[in-house]
Amino acid sequence: MSIDLNHTIVHARDSLASANFLAEILGLKAPVRFGPFHAVALDNGVTLDFIQTDKVVLIEHYAFLVSEEEFDRIFGRIRERGLPYWADPAHQQPDRINRHDGGRGVYWNDLDGHYLEIITRPYGSGS
């Protein structure tokens, strides 16, 4: 049996708004309500289950491996919304993308400040 990530919980001040934000930016289906969660399903079967909290939201990082074509569409939606983006997780290279491992990558933040990232090549996979 293989061991695969099935889901993770993402804390948000407004779980529906945050789940919709991610689904819209990534071009995924609308979130599905499951108990107290708004679940965003990724194409590999993993879900990000957004739960509402009134406590301080600890900032997490979520990286998504996408095709070159998906990168163009997602990056286009980031730019259309006028969202700040960076080439690096430290936010030191604004308005740029990176080209690690012969691919492309970019970081932006969600509504609660979680670091989101799309990459077209897994880190360590290229030159």
N, C-alpha and C. Protein backbone atom coordinates (compact mmCIF):
# COMPACT_ATOMS: atom_id res chain seq x y z
N MET A 1 0.85 -1.19 0.00
CA MET A 1 0.00 0.00 0.00
C MET A 1 0.89 1.24 0.00
N SER A 2 0.51 2.22 -0.80
CA SER A 2 1.25 3.47 -0.80
C SER A 2 0.68 4.39 0.28
N ILE A 3 1.48 5.34 0.69
CA ILE A 3 1.03 6.33 1.67
C ILE A 3 0.90 7.65 0.93
N ASP A 4 -0.31 8.17 0.90
CA ASP A 4 -0.60 9.41 0.20
C ASP A 4 -1.26 10.40 1.15
N LEU A 5 -0.97 11.67 0.95
CA LEU A 5 -1.67 12.70 1.69
C LEU A 5 -3.11 12.73 1.22
N ASN A 6 -4.07 12.71 2.14
CA ASN A 6 -5.49 12.72 1.81
C ASN A 6 -6.09 14.11 1.95
N HIS A 7 -5.79 14.80 3.05
CA HIS A 7 -6.32 16.13 3.27
C HIS A 7 -5.50 16.85 4.33
N THR A 8 -5.67 18.15 4.38
CA THR A 8 -5.10 18.94 5.45
C THR A 8 -6.10 20.02 5.81
N ILE A 9 -6.05 20.47 7.05
CA ILE A 9 -6.97 21.49 7.51
C ILE A 9 -6.30 22.85 7.42
N VAL A 10 -7.02 23.81 6.86
CA VAL A 10 -6.54 25.17 6.70
C VAL A 10 -7.43 26.08 7.55
N HIS A 11 -6.85 26.72 8.53
CA HIS A 11 -7.60 27.63 9.38
C HIS A 11 -7.78 28.97 8.68
N ALA A 12 -9.00 29.53 8.80
CA ALA A 12 -9.33 30.78 8.12
C ALA A 12 -10.32 31.57 8.94
N ARG A 13 -10.25 32.87 8.79
CA ARG A 13 -11.22 33.74 9.47
C ARG A 13 -12.61 33.61 8.84
N ASP A 14 -12.64 33.39 7.53
CA ASP A 14 -13.89 33.14 6.80
C ASP A 14 -13.62 31.95 5.89
N SER A 15 -14.00 30.78 6.35
CA SER A 15 -13.62 29.55 5.65
C SER A 15 -14.20 29.47 4.24
N LEU A 16 -15.42 29.91 4.04
CA LEU A 16 -16.01 29.86 2.70
C LEU A 16 -15.31 30.84 1.76
N ALA A 17 -15.07 32.06 2.21
CA ALA A 17 -14.39 33.04 1.35
C ALA A 17 -12.99 32.56 0.98
N SER A 18 -12.27 32.01 1.96
CA SER A 18 -10.90 31.53 1.70
C SER A 18 -10.90 30.34 0.76
N ALA A 19 -11.84 29.42 0.95
CA ALA A 19 -11.93 28.24 0.08
C ALA A 19 -12.30 28.67 -1.34
N ASN A 20 -13.24 29.59 -1.46
CA ASN A 20 -13.61 30.10 -2.79
C ASN A 20 -12.44 30.80 -3.46
N PHE A 21 -11.69 31.60 -2.69
CA PHE A 21 -10.53 32.31 -3.23
C PHE A 21 -9.55 31.31 -3.85
N LEU A 22 -9.20 30.26 -3.11
CA LEU A 22 -8.25 29.28 -3.62
C LEU A 22 -8.80 28.57 -4.85
N ALA A 23 -10.04 28.11 -4.78
CA ALA A 23 -10.63 27.39 -5.90
C ALA A 23 -10.67 28.26 -7.16
N GLU A 24 -11.04 29.52 -7.00
CA GLU A 24 -11.12 30.42 -8.15
C GLU A 24 -9.75 30.69 -8.75
N ILE A 25 -8.76 30.99 -7.91
CA ILE A 25 -7.42 31.29 -8.42
C ILE A 25 -6.83 30.08 -9.14
N LEU A 26 -7.01 28.89 -8.55
CA LEU A 26 -6.43 27.69 -9.17
C LEU A 26 -7.30 27.13 -10.30
N GLY A 27 -8.52 27.64 -10.45
CA GLY A 27 -9.39 27.15 -11.52
C GLY A 27 -10.00 25.80 -11.18
N LEU A 28 -10.27 25.57 -9.91
CA LEU A 28 -10.84 24.30 -9.46
C LEU A 28 -12.34 24.42 -9.22
N LYS A 29 -12.99 23.28 -9.00
CA LYS A 29 -14.41 23.28 -8.69
C LYS A 29 -14.65 24.01 -7.38
N ALA A 30 -15.86 24.52 -7.23
CA ALA A 30 -16.25 25.23 -6.01
C ALA A 30 -16.09 24.31 -4.81
N PRO A 31 -15.80 24.88 -3.64
CA PRO A 31 -15.65 24.06 -2.43
C PRO A 31 -16.94 23.31 -2.11
N VAL A 32 -16.76 22.17 -1.45
CA VAL A 32 -17.89 21.34 -1.03
C VAL A 32 -17.95 21.38 0.49
N ARG A 33 -19.14 21.57 1.01
CA ARG A 33 -19.33 21.60 2.47
C ARG A 33 -19.28 20.18 3.00
N PHE A 34 -18.48 19.97 4.06
CA PHE A 34 -18.38 18.67 4.73
C PHE A 34 -18.26 18.96 6.22
N GLY A 35 -19.35 18.79 6.96
CA GLY A 35 -19.33 19.13 8.38
C GLY A 35 -18.97 20.60 8.55
N PRO A 36 -17.98 20.91 9.38
CA PRO A 36 -17.61 22.32 9.59
C PRO A 36 -16.63 22.84 8.53
N PHE A 37 -16.33 22.04 7.52
CA PHE A 37 -15.29 22.37 6.54
C PHE A 37 -15.88 22.80 5.20
N HIS A 38 -15.10 23.60 4.47
CA HIS A 38 -15.32 23.87 3.06
C HIS A 38 -14.11 23.26 2.35
N ALA A 39 -14.33 22.15 1.67
CA ALA A 39 -13.23 21.37 1.09
C ALA A 39 -12.99 21.75 -0.36
N VAL A 40 -11.73 22.05 -0.67
CA VAL A 40 -11.30 22.30 -2.04
C VAL A 40 -10.53 21.06 -2.49
N ALA A 41 -11.04 20.40 -3.52
CA ALA A 41 -10.43 19.16 -4.01
C ALA A 41 -9.41 19.47 -5.10
N LEU A 42 -8.21 18.93 -4.93
CA LEU A 42 -7.18 19.03 -5.95
C LEU A 42 -7.32 17.85 -6.90
N ASP A 43 -6.66 17.93 -8.04
CA ASP A 43 -6.81 16.88 -9.05
C ASP A 43 -6.22 15.54 -8.65
N ASN A 44 -5.34 15.51 -7.64
CA ASN A 44 -4.75 14.24 -7.21
C ASN A 44 -5.51 13.62 -6.04
N GLY A 45 -6.71 14.14 -5.74
CA GLY A 45 -7.54 13.56 -4.69
C GLY A 45 -7.34 14.15 -3.31
N VAL A 46 -6.33 14.98 -3.13
CA VAL A 46 -6.09 15.64 -1.85
C VAL A 46 -7.09 16.79 -1.71
N THR A 47 -7.59 17.00 -0.48
CA THR A 47 -8.44 18.17 -0.25
C THR A 47 -7.80 19.09 0.78
N LEU A 48 -8.02 20.38 0.58
CA LEU A 48 -7.68 21.38 1.58
C LEU A 48 -9.00 21.74 2.24
N ASP A 49 -9.12 21.40 3.51
CA ASP A 49 -10.37 21.55 4.24
C ASP A 49 -10.31 22.80 5.10
N PHE A 50 -10.98 23.84 4.65
CA PHE A 50 -10.97 25.13 5.34
C PHE A 50 -11.95 25.11 6.50
N ILE A 51 -11.48 25.53 7.66
CA ILE A 51 -12.32 25.60 8.85
C ILE A 51 -12.23 27.01 9.42
N GLN A 52 -13.36 27.50 9.84
CA GLN A 52 -13.42 28.86 10.38
C GLN A 52 -12.90 28.89 11.81
N THR A 53 -12.18 29.97 12.13
CA THR A 53 -11.68 30.16 13.48
C THR A 53 -11.72 31.64 13.82
N ASP A 54 -11.94 31.94 15.08
CA ASP A 54 -11.87 33.33 15.52
C ASP A 54 -10.57 33.57 16.28
N LYS A 55 -9.70 32.57 16.28
CA LYS A 55 -8.39 32.70 16.93
C LYS A 55 -7.37 33.20 15.92
N VAL A 56 -6.18 33.49 16.40
CA VAL A 56 -5.11 33.91 15.51
C VAL A 56 -4.81 32.78 14.52
N VAL A 57 -4.77 33.13 13.25
CA VAL A 57 -4.49 32.14 12.21
C VAL A 57 -2.98 32.02 12.05
N LEU A 58 -2.45 30.83 12.29
CA LEU A 58 -1.03 30.58 12.07
C LEU A 58 -0.81 30.43 10.57
N ILE A 59 0.13 31.18 10.05
CA ILE A 59 0.38 31.19 8.61
C ILE A 59 1.08 29.90 8.19
N GLU A 60 0.52 29.29 7.16
CA GLU A 60 1.07 28.05 6.59
C GLU A 60 1.48 28.31 5.14
N HIS A 61 2.12 27.31 4.54
CA HIS A 61 2.56 27.40 3.16
C HIS A 61 1.99 26.21 2.40
N TYR A 62 1.39 26.49 1.24
CA TYR A 62 0.81 25.45 0.40
C TYR A 62 1.35 25.64 -1.01
N ALA A 63 2.04 24.62 -1.53
CA ALA A 63 2.63 24.68 -2.86
C ALA A 63 1.91 23.70 -3.78
N PHE A 64 1.67 24.12 -5.01
CA PHE A 64 0.92 23.32 -5.97
C PHE A 64 1.76 23.13 -7.23
N LEU A 65 1.93 21.88 -7.65
CA LEU A 65 2.64 21.56 -8.87
C LEU A 65 1.64 21.62 -10.01
N VAL A 66 1.93 22.45 -11.01
CA VAL A 66 1.00 22.67 -12.12
C VAL A 66 1.74 22.55 -13.45
N SER A 67 1.00 22.37 -14.52
CA SER A 67 1.60 22.35 -15.85
C SER A 67 1.95 23.78 -16.29
N GLU A 68 2.70 23.90 -17.35
CA GLU A 68 3.04 25.22 -17.88
C GLU A 68 1.77 25.98 -18.28
N GLU A 69 0.82 25.28 -18.90
CA GLU A 69 -0.43 25.92 -19.32
C GLU A 69 -1.24 26.37 -18.10
N GLU A 70 -1.31 25.52 -17.08
CA GLU A 70 -2.02 25.90 -15.86
C GLU A 70 -1.34 27.09 -15.18
N PHE A 71 -0.01 27.10 -15.19
CA PHE A 71 0.71 28.23 -14.61
C PHE A 71 0.26 29.53 -15.28
N ASP A 72 0.21 29.52 -16.62
CA ASP A 72 -0.19 30.72 -17.35
C ASP A 72 -1.59 31.18 -16.93
N ARG A 73 -2.52 30.24 -16.82
CA ARG A 73 -3.90 30.60 -16.46
C ARG A 73 -3.98 31.12 -15.02
N ILE A 74 -3.32 30.41 -14.10
CA ILE A 74 -3.36 30.81 -12.68
C ILE A 74 -2.65 32.15 -12.50
N PHE A 75 -1.48 32.28 -13.07
CA PHE A 75 -0.74 33.54 -12.96
C PHE A 75 -1.54 34.70 -13.57
N GLY A 76 -2.25 34.41 -14.65
CA GLY A 76 -3.12 35.42 -15.25
C GLY A 76 -4.21 35.87 -14.29
N ARG A 77 -4.80 34.93 -13.55
CA ARG A 77 -5.84 35.30 -12.58
C ARG A 77 -5.25 36.09 -11.41
N ILE A 78 -4.04 35.75 -10.99
CA ILE A 78 -3.36 36.51 -9.93
C ILE A 78 -3.17 37.96 -10.39
N ARG A 79 -2.70 38.13 -11.60
CA ARG A 79 -2.44 39.48 -12.12
C ARG A 79 -3.73 40.23 -12.40
N GLU A 80 -4.75 39.55 -12.91
CA GLU A 80 -6.04 40.20 -13.16
C GLU A 80 -6.64 40.77 -11.88
N ARG A 81 -6.44 40.08 -10.77
CA ARG A 81 -6.98 40.54 -9.49
C ARG A 81 -6.09 41.60 -8.83
N GLY A 82 -4.94 41.84 -9.44
CA GLY A 82 -4.02 42.83 -8.87
C GLY A 82 -3.39 42.37 -7.57
N LEU A 83 -3.25 41.05 -7.41
CA LEU A 83 -2.67 40.51 -6.18
C LEU A 83 -1.15 40.69 -6.19
N PRO A 84 -0.57 41.07 -5.07
CA PRO A 84 0.89 41.10 -4.99
C PRO A 84 1.45 39.68 -5.15
N TYR A 85 2.59 39.57 -5.83
CA TYR A 85 3.23 38.26 -5.98
C TYR A 85 4.74 38.45 -5.94
N TRP A 86 5.42 37.34 -5.65
CA TRP A 86 6.86 37.35 -5.46
C TRP A 86 7.50 36.12 -6.08
N ALA A 87 8.79 36.23 -6.36
CA ALA A 87 9.56 35.09 -6.87
C ALA A 87 10.10 34.23 -5.75
N ASP A 88 9.95 34.69 -4.50
CA ASP A 88 10.57 33.99 -3.38
C ASP A 88 9.64 33.99 -2.16
N PRO A 89 9.82 33.02 -1.26
CA PRO A 89 8.94 32.93 -0.09
C PRO A 89 9.18 34.03 0.94
N ALA A 90 10.31 34.71 0.89
CA ALA A 90 10.60 35.77 1.83
C ALA A 90 10.04 37.12 1.37
N HIS A 91 9.41 37.12 0.20
CA HIS A 91 8.80 38.34 -0.35
C HIS A 91 9.84 39.44 -0.57
N GLN A 92 11.02 39.05 -1.02
CA GLN A 92 12.09 40.00 -1.30
C GLN A 92 12.20 40.34 -2.78
N GLN A 93 11.49 39.58 -3.64
CA GLN A 93 11.56 39.80 -5.08
C GLN A 93 10.14 40.02 -5.64
N PRO A 94 9.58 41.22 -5.38
CA PRO A 94 8.20 41.48 -5.81
C PRO A 94 8.07 41.57 -7.33
N ASP A 95 6.86 41.25 -7.80
CA ASP A 95 6.50 41.39 -9.22
C ASP A 95 7.41 40.58 -10.14
N ARG A 96 7.90 39.46 -9.62
CA ARG A 96 8.75 38.57 -10.42
C ARG A 96 8.33 37.13 -10.18
N ILE A 97 8.70 36.26 -11.10
CA ILE A 97 8.56 34.83 -10.91
C ILE A 97 9.96 34.24 -10.85
N ASN A 98 10.07 32.99 -10.38
CA ASN A 98 11.38 32.33 -10.38
C ASN A 98 11.42 31.30 -11.50
N ARG A 99 12.61 30.83 -11.78
CA ARG A 99 12.82 29.85 -12.85
C ARG A 99 13.65 28.68 -12.33
N HIS A 100 13.35 28.25 -11.11
CA HIS A 100 14.09 27.14 -10.51
C HIS A 100 13.87 25.84 -11.27
N ASP A 101 14.94 25.08 -11.39
CA ASP A 101 14.91 23.75 -12.01
C ASP A 101 14.38 23.77 -13.44
N GLY A 102 14.54 24.90 -14.12
CA GLY A 102 14.10 24.99 -15.51
C GLY A 102 12.60 25.18 -15.66
N GLY A 103 11.91 25.44 -14.57
CA GLY A 103 10.47 25.69 -14.63
C GLY A 103 10.16 27.11 -14.22
N ARG A 104 8.94 27.31 -13.78
CA ARG A 104 8.53 28.63 -13.30
C ARG A 104 7.82 28.46 -11.96
N GLY A 105 7.94 29.49 -11.12
CA GLY A 105 7.27 29.47 -9.84
C GLY A 105 6.93 30.87 -9.38
N VAL A 106 5.89 30.98 -8.56
CA VAL A 106 5.49 32.28 -8.03
C VAL A 106 4.76 32.07 -6.71
N TYR A 107 4.89 33.05 -5.83
CA TYR A 107 4.25 33.04 -4.51
C TYR A 107 3.26 34.19 -4.42
N TRP A 108 2.17 33.97 -3.69
CA TRP A 108 1.23 35.03 -3.34
C TRP A 108 0.56 34.61 -2.05
N ASN A 109 -0.22 35.51 -1.46
CA ASN A 109 -0.87 35.21 -0.19
C ASN A 109 -2.38 35.09 -0.37
N ASP A 110 -2.99 34.26 0.48
CA ASP A 110 -4.44 34.16 0.46
C ASP A 110 -5.03 35.22 1.39
N LEU A 111 -6.32 35.14 1.63
CA LEU A 111 -7.02 36.16 2.41
C LEU A 111 -6.55 36.25 3.85
N ASP A 112 -6.01 35.16 4.40
CA ASP A 112 -5.53 35.13 5.78
C ASP A 112 -4.01 35.25 5.89
N GLY A 113 -3.34 35.39 4.75
CA GLY A 113 -1.89 35.53 4.77
C GLY A 113 -1.13 34.24 4.53
N HIS A 114 -1.85 33.11 4.34
CA HIS A 114 -1.15 31.86 4.02
C HIS A 114 -0.34 32.06 2.73
N TYR A 115 0.86 31.48 2.71
CA TYR A 115 1.71 31.57 1.53
C TYR A 115 1.28 30.50 0.54
N LEU A 116 0.89 30.92 -0.65
CA LEU A 116 0.52 30.00 -1.72
C LEU A 116 1.59 30.07 -2.79
N GLU A 117 1.82 28.94 -3.44
CA GLU A 117 2.88 28.87 -4.44
C GLU A 117 2.46 27.92 -5.54
N ILE A 118 2.77 28.28 -6.77
CA ILE A 118 2.64 27.35 -7.88
C ILE A 118 4.02 27.18 -8.50
N ILE A 119 4.33 25.95 -8.88
CA ILE A 119 5.59 25.62 -9.54
C ILE A 119 5.29 24.67 -10.70
N THR A 120 6.11 24.75 -11.72
CA THR A 120 5.93 23.86 -12.87
C THR A 120 6.90 22.68 -12.87
N ARG A 121 7.88 22.74 -12.00
CA ARG A 121 8.84 21.63 -11.83
C ARG A 121 9.08 21.42 -10.35
N PRO A 122 9.09 20.18 -9.88
CA PRO A 122 9.41 19.95 -8.46
C PRO A 122 10.83 20.44 -8.17
N TYR A 123 11.03 21.00 -6.99
CA TYR A 123 12.36 21.46 -6.61
C TYR A 123 13.35 20.29 -6.61
N GLY A 124 14.51 20.54 -7.18
CA GLY A 124 15.54 19.51 -7.27
C GLY A 124 15.42 18.63 -8.49
N SER A 125 14.48 18.92 -9.38
CA SER A 125 14.24 18.03 -10.52
C SER A 125 15.00 18.41 -11.78
N GLY A 126 15.59 19.60 -11.82
CA GLY A 126 16.26 20.04 -13.05
C GLY A 126 17.57 20.69 -12.77
N SER A 127 18.06 21.37 -13.79
CA SER A 127 19.37 22.01 -13.65
C SER A 127 19.26 23.40 -13.09
